[in-house]
C-alpha atoms as a PDB file:
ATOM      1  CA  MET A   1     226.801  86.876 136.750  1.00  0.00           C
ATOM      2  CA  ASP A   2     226.299  88.231 139.824  1.00  0.00           C
ATOM      3  CA  ALA A   3     227.759  91.407 140.718  1.00  0.00           C
ATOM      4  CA  LEU A   4     230.674  90.689 142.953  1.00  0.00           C
ATOM      5  CA  THR A   5     231.785  88.387 140.643  1.00  0.00           C
ATOM      6  CA  CYS A   6     231.407  90.319 137.854  1.00  0.00           C
ATOM      7  CA  LEU A   7     233.563  93.050 139.627  1.00  0.00           C
ATOM      8  CA  LYS A   8     236.476  90.689 141.005  1.00  0.00           C
ATOM      9  CA  THR A   9     236.711  88.863 137.481  1.00  0.00           C
ATOM     10  CA  ARG A  10     236.651  91.835 134.701  1.00  0.00           C
ATOM     11  CA  ARG A  11     239.901  91.968 132.955  1.00  0.00           C
ATOM     12  CA  SER A  12     241.000  94.247 130.148  1.00  0.00           C
ATOM     13  CA  ILE A  13     240.651  92.358 126.782  1.00  0.00           C
ATOM     14  CA  ARG A  14     242.708  93.523 124.076  1.00  0.00           C
ATOM     15  CA  THR A  15     242.255  90.389 121.331  1.00  0.00           C
ATOM     16  CA  TYR A  16     238.926  89.847 120.091  1.00  0.00           C
ATOM     17  CA  ARG A  17     237.456  87.330 117.803  1.00  0.00           C
ATOM     18  CA  PRO A  18     235.908  88.591 115.098  1.00  0.00           C
ATOM     19  CA  ASP A  19     232.517  87.831 115.868  1.00  0.00           C
ATOM     20  CA  PRO A  20     230.075  90.354 115.853  1.00  0.00           C
ATOM     21  CA  VAL A  21     228.389  91.659 118.907  1.00  0.00           C
ATOM     22  CA  PRO A  22     224.626  91.760 118.656  1.00  0.00           C
ATOM     23  CA  ARG A  23     222.908  95.122 118.318  1.00  0.00           C
ATOM     24  CA  GLU A  24     220.384  94.401 121.442  1.00  0.00           C
ATOM     25  CA  THR A  25     223.700  93.280 123.634  1.00  0.00           C
ATOM     26  CA  ILE A  26     225.117  96.663 122.566  1.00  0.00           C
ATOM     27  CA  GLU A  27     222.205  98.693 123.494  1.00  0.00           C
ATOM     28  CA  ASP A  28     222.054  96.668 127.052  1.00  0.00           C
ATOM     29  CA  ILE A  29     225.630  97.381 127.513  1.00  0.00           C
ATOM     30  CA  VAL A  30     225.038 101.039 126.801  1.00  0.00           C
ATOM     31  CA  ASP A  31     222.032 101.032 128.795  1.00  0.00           C
ATOM     32  CA  CYS A  32     223.953 100.337 131.627  1.00  0.00           C
ATOM     33  CA  ALA A  33     226.236 102.966 131.106  1.00  0.00           C
ATOM     34  CA  ARG A  34     223.523 105.649 131.283  1.00  0.00           C
ATOM     35  CA  LEU A  35     222.385 104.121 134.206  1.00  0.00           C
ATOM     36  CA  ALA A  36     225.781 105.281 136.257  1.00  0.00           C
ATOM     37  CA  PRO A  37     225.729 108.010 138.618  1.00  0.00           C
ATOM     38  CA  THR A  38     226.643 111.532 137.615  1.00  0.00           C
ATOM     39  CA  ALA A  39     226.741 114.830 139.579  1.00  0.00           C
ATOM     40  CA  PHE A  40     223.624 116.549 140.009  1.00  0.00           C
ATOM     41  CA  ASN A  41     222.126 114.015 137.682  1.00  0.00           C
ATOM     42  CA  ARG A  42     223.118 116.229 134.614  1.00  0.00           C
ATOM     43  CA  GLN A  43     223.332 112.890 132.479  1.00  0.00           C
ATOM     44  CA  ALA A  44     225.236 114.935 130.279  1.00  0.00           C
ATOM     45  CA  TRP A  45     226.917 111.827 127.897  1.00  0.00           C
ATOM     46  CA  THR A  46     226.539 110.832 124.747  1.00  0.00           C
ATOM     47  CA  PHE A  47     227.661 107.368 123.590  1.00  0.00           C
ATOM     48  CA  ILE A  48     228.848 106.782 120.206  1.00  0.00           C
ATOM     49  CA  VAL A  49     229.229 103.408 118.874  1.00  0.00           C
ATOM     50  CA  VAL A  50     231.325 102.783 116.170  1.00  0.00           C
ATOM     51  CA  GLN A  51     231.107  99.531 114.244  1.00  0.00           C
ATOM     52  CA  ASP A  52     232.602 100.707 110.829  1.00  0.00           C
ATOM     53  CA  ALA A  53     236.152  98.992 110.463  1.00  0.00           C
ATOM     54  CA  ALA A  54     237.525 101.910 108.610  1.00  0.00           C
ATOM     55  CA  VAL A  55     236.342 104.377 111.265  1.00  0.00           C
ATOM     56  CA  ARG A  56     237.765 102.343 113.910  1.00  0.00           C
ATOM     57  CA  ALA A  57     241.095 101.886 112.374  1.00  0.00           C
ATOM     58  CA  ARG A  58     241.327 105.280 111.902  1.00  0.00           C
ATOM     59  CA  ILE A  59     241.189 105.948 115.806  1.00  0.00           C
ATOM     60  CA  PRO A  60     244.459 104.187 116.493  1.00  0.00           C
ATOM     61  CA  GLN A  61     246.015 106.107 113.986  1.00  0.00           C
ATOM     62  CA  LEU A  62     244.764 109.527 115.603  1.00  0.00           C
ATOM     63  CA  ALA A  63     245.713 108.345 119.089  1.00  0.00           C
ATOM     64  CA  GLY A  64     249.153 106.802 118.291  1.00  0.00           C
ATOM     65  CA  HIS A  65     248.554 103.805 120.167  1.00  0.00           C
ATOM     66  CA  GLY A  66     244.999 101.546 121.355  1.00  0.00           C
ATOM     67  CA  GLU A  67     245.304  99.188 118.104  1.00  0.00           C
ATOM     68  CA  PHE A  68     243.009  96.887 119.421  1.00  0.00           C
ATOM     69  CA  ILE A  69     240.356  99.180 119.168  1.00  0.00           C
ATOM     70  CA  ALA A  70     240.631  98.380 115.406  1.00  0.00           C
ATOM     71  CA  ASN A  71     240.219  94.782 115.674  1.00  0.00           C
ATOM     72  CA  ALA A  72     237.415  94.961 117.937  1.00  0.00           C
ATOM     73  CA  PRO A  73     234.059  94.535 116.421  1.00  0.00           C
ATOM     74  CA  VAL A  74     232.674  97.398 118.224  1.00  0.00           C
ATOM     75  CA  CYS A  75     234.033 100.808 120.068  1.00  0.00           C
ATOM     76  CA  VAL A  76     231.892 102.827 122.540  1.00  0.00           C
ATOM     77  CA  ALA A  77     233.310 106.580 122.551  1.00  0.00           C
ATOM     78  CA  VAL A  78     231.963 108.462 125.536  1.00  0.00           C
ATOM     79  CA  PHE A  79     231.620 111.900 125.314  1.00  0.00           C
ATOM     80  CA  CYS A  80     230.434 114.139 128.113  1.00  0.00           C
ATOM     81  CA  GLY A  81     229.590 117.953 128.848  1.00  0.00           C
ATOM     82  CA  PRO A  82     228.773 120.466 129.101  1.00  0.00           C
ATOM     83  CA  SER A  83     228.247 119.797 132.712  1.00  0.00           C
ATOM     84  CA  GLU A  84     230.191 120.462 135.739  1.00  0.00           C
ATOM     85  CA  PHE A  85     232.193 117.271 136.439  1.00  0.00           C
ATOM     86  CA  PRO A  86     232.332 115.730 132.687  1.00  0.00           C
ATOM     87  CA  VAL A  87     235.458 113.481 133.672  1.00  0.00           C
ATOM     88  CA  GLU A  88     234.032 112.211 136.574  1.00  0.00           C
ATOM     89  CA  ASP A  89     230.400 111.511 134.995  1.00  0.00           C
ATOM     90  CA  GLY A  90     231.904 110.150 131.756  1.00  0.00           C
ATOM     91  CA  CYS A  91     234.314 107.612 134.054  1.00  0.00           C
ATOM     92  CA  ALA A  92     231.306 106.260 135.858  1.00  0.00           C
ATOM     93  CA  ALA A  93     229.859 105.474 132.539  1.00  0.00           C
ATOM     94  CA  THR A  94     232.866 103.967 131.294  1.00  0.00           C
ATOM     95  CA  GLU A  95     233.050 101.368 134.574  1.00  0.00           C
ATOM     96  CA  ASN A  96     229.175 100.185 134.030  1.00  0.00           C
ATOM     97  CA  LEU A  97     230.338  99.771 130.312  1.00  0.00           C
ATOM     98  CA  LEU A  98     233.356  97.779 131.256  1.00  0.00           C
ATOM     99  CA  LEU A  99     231.472  95.638 133.604  1.00  0.00           C
ATOM    100  CA  ALA A 100     227.834  95.332 131.548  1.00  0.00           C
ATOM    101  CA  ALA A 101     230.423  94.066 128.707  1.00  0.00           C
ATOM    102  CA  HIS A 102     231.686  91.443 131.268  1.00  0.00           C
ATOM    103  CA  ALA A 103     228.518  90.108 132.230  1.00  0.00           C
ATOM    104  CA  HIS A 104     227.516  89.749 128.627  1.00  0.00           C
ATOM    105  CA  GLY A 105     230.380  87.467 128.447  1.00  0.00           C
ATOM    106  CA  LEU A 106     232.406  90.136 126.342  1.00  0.00           C
ATOM    107  CA  GLY A 107     235.715  91.577 126.715  1.00  0.00           C
ATOM    108  CA  ALA A 108     236.914  95.297 127.082  1.00  0.00           C
ATOM    109  CA  CYS A 109     239.493  97.720 127.459  1.00  0.00           C
ATOM    110  CA  TRP A 110     239.304 101.546 127.669  1.00  0.00           C
ATOM    111  CA  VAL A 111     241.460 104.231 126.551  1.00  0.00           C
ATOM    112  CA  SER A 112     241.679 107.605 127.863  1.00  0.00           C
ATOM    113  CA  GLY A 113     240.072 110.437 125.806  1.00  0.00           C
ATOM    114  CA  ASN A 114     240.316 113.379 128.076  1.00  0.00           C
ATOM    115  CA  GLN A 115     242.792 116.035 127.567  1.00  0.00           C
ATOM    116  CA  THR A 116     245.002 113.842 125.270  1.00  0.00           C
ATOM    117  CA  PRO A 117     246.251 115.496 122.278  1.00  0.00           C
ATOM    118  CA  TYR A 118     244.202 113.160 120.078  1.00  0.00           C
ATOM    119  CA  SER A 119     240.806 113.924 121.764  1.00  0.00           C
ATOM    120  CA  ASN A 120     239.768 116.664 119.336  1.00  0.00           C
ATOM    121  CA  ALA A 121     240.871 114.562 116.449  1.00  0.00           C
ATOM    122  CA  VAL A 122     238.766 111.848 117.735  1.00  0.00           C
ATOM    123  CA  GLY A 123     235.706 114.023 118.337  1.00  0.00           C
ATOM    124  CA  GLU A 124     235.897 115.561 114.849  1.00  0.00           C
ATOM    125  CA  LEU A 125     236.325 112.028 113.161  1.00  0.00           C
ATOM    126  CA  LEU A 126     232.658 111.226 115.032  1.00  0.00           C
ATOM    127  CA  GLY A 127     230.981 114.521 114.783  1.00  0.00           C
ATOM    128  CA  ALA A 128     231.108 115.825 117.903  1.00  0.00           C
ATOM    129  CA  PRO A 129     230.122 119.293 118.937  1.00  0.00           C
ATOM    130  CA  PRO A 130     233.159 121.262 120.375  1.00  0.00           C
ATOM    131  CA  ASP A 131     231.791 121.675 123.647  1.00  0.00           C
ATOM    132  CA  VAL A 132     231.712 117.944 124.773  1.00  0.00           C
ATOM    133  CA  ARG A 133     235.036 115.921 126.045  1.00  0.00           C
ATOM    134  CA  LEU A 134     235.914 112.533 124.802  1.00  0.00           C
ATOM    135  CA  VAL A 135     236.318 111.049 128.305  1.00  0.00           C
ATOM    136  CA  SER A 136     237.087 107.432 126.950  1.00  0.00           C
ATOM    137  CA  LEU A 137     237.021 104.883 124.163  1.00  0.00           C
ATOM    138  CA  VAL A 138     235.803 101.440 124.989  1.00  0.00           C
ATOM    139  CA  ALA A 139     236.888  98.543 122.791  1.00  0.00           C
ATOM    140  CA  ILE A 140     234.307  95.753 123.013  1.00  0.00           C
ATOM    141  CA  GLY A 141     234.232  92.181 121.468  1.00  0.00           C
ATOM    142  CA  HIS A 142     234.247  88.541 122.108  1.00  0.00           C
ATOM    143  CA  PRO A 143     237.501  87.988 124.172  1.00  0.00           C
ATOM    144  CA  ALA A 144     240.443  85.946 122.227  1.00  0.00           C
ATOM    145  CA  GLU A 145     242.515  85.857 125.275  1.00  0.00           C
ATOM    146  CA  GLU A 146     242.288  85.375 129.334  1.00  0.00           C
ATOM    147  CA  PRO A 147     244.592  87.579 130.771  1.00  0.00           C
ATOM    148  CA  ALA A 148     245.715  86.556 134.383  1.00  0.00           C
ATOM    149  CA  VAL A 149     245.156  88.446 137.729  1.00  0.00           C
ATOM    150  CA  ASP A 150     248.023  90.521 138.234  1.00  0.00           C
ATOM    151  CA  LYS A 151     246.566  93.162 141.059  1.00  0.00           C
ATOM    152  CA  LYS A 152     248.370  94.331 144.372  1.00  0.00           C
ATOM    153  CA  PRO A 153     246.770  92.386 147.265  1.00  0.00           C
ATOM    154  CA  LEU A 154     244.293  94.105 149.582  1.00  0.00           C
ATOM    155  CA  GLY A 155     246.882  94.282 152.534  1.00  0.00           C
ATOM    156  CA  GLU A 156     249.076  96.898 150.219  1.00  0.00           C
ATOM    157  CA  VAL A 157     246.388  99.214 149.058  1.00  0.00           C
ATOM    158  CA  LEU A 158     244.040  99.286 152.333  1.00  0.00           C
ATOM    159  CA  ARG A 159     244.380 101.590 155.115  1.00  0.00           C
ATOM    160  CA  TRP A 160     241.935 102.399 157.937  1.00  0.00           C
ATOM    161  CA  GLU A 161     241.186 105.894 159.461  1.00  0.00           C
ATOM    162  CA  ARG A 162     244.460 107.177 158.266  1.00  0.00           C
ATOM    163  CA  PHE A 163     247.112 107.256 155.146  1.00  0.00           C
END
């Protein structure tokens, strides 16, 4: 799939088939995430791949939402820091995760982690040190749904020169 098609056709997938995702595919998806741009090229991120069903089931319990994480065969937790711009760096990596999953024919959906009431609890669950931030959680799996496009038209969001 070419890059523009990938960008224009990716959708948030929240329903997954139970089929496992091969380890090589997960590694390639995370490899794409680690190649995202970072401020000052700090690359201060760590990606935790969670395949254990019991651990994945705890995440939405802690968060109070994101039940689809428990049903996906893979969840990647994106932690970032310490660095000057952990949120921006982690978000760039998260977008690469989402696009790489789509390019592999998989579905994915992200849940925010930064400055949420559950970020510390999820960090503790996954053994993260206290000086890093949970930026996002990304559920990944074989899609069991095909959501419709629900995006604003370009004319509603594009401005030239001034707001």
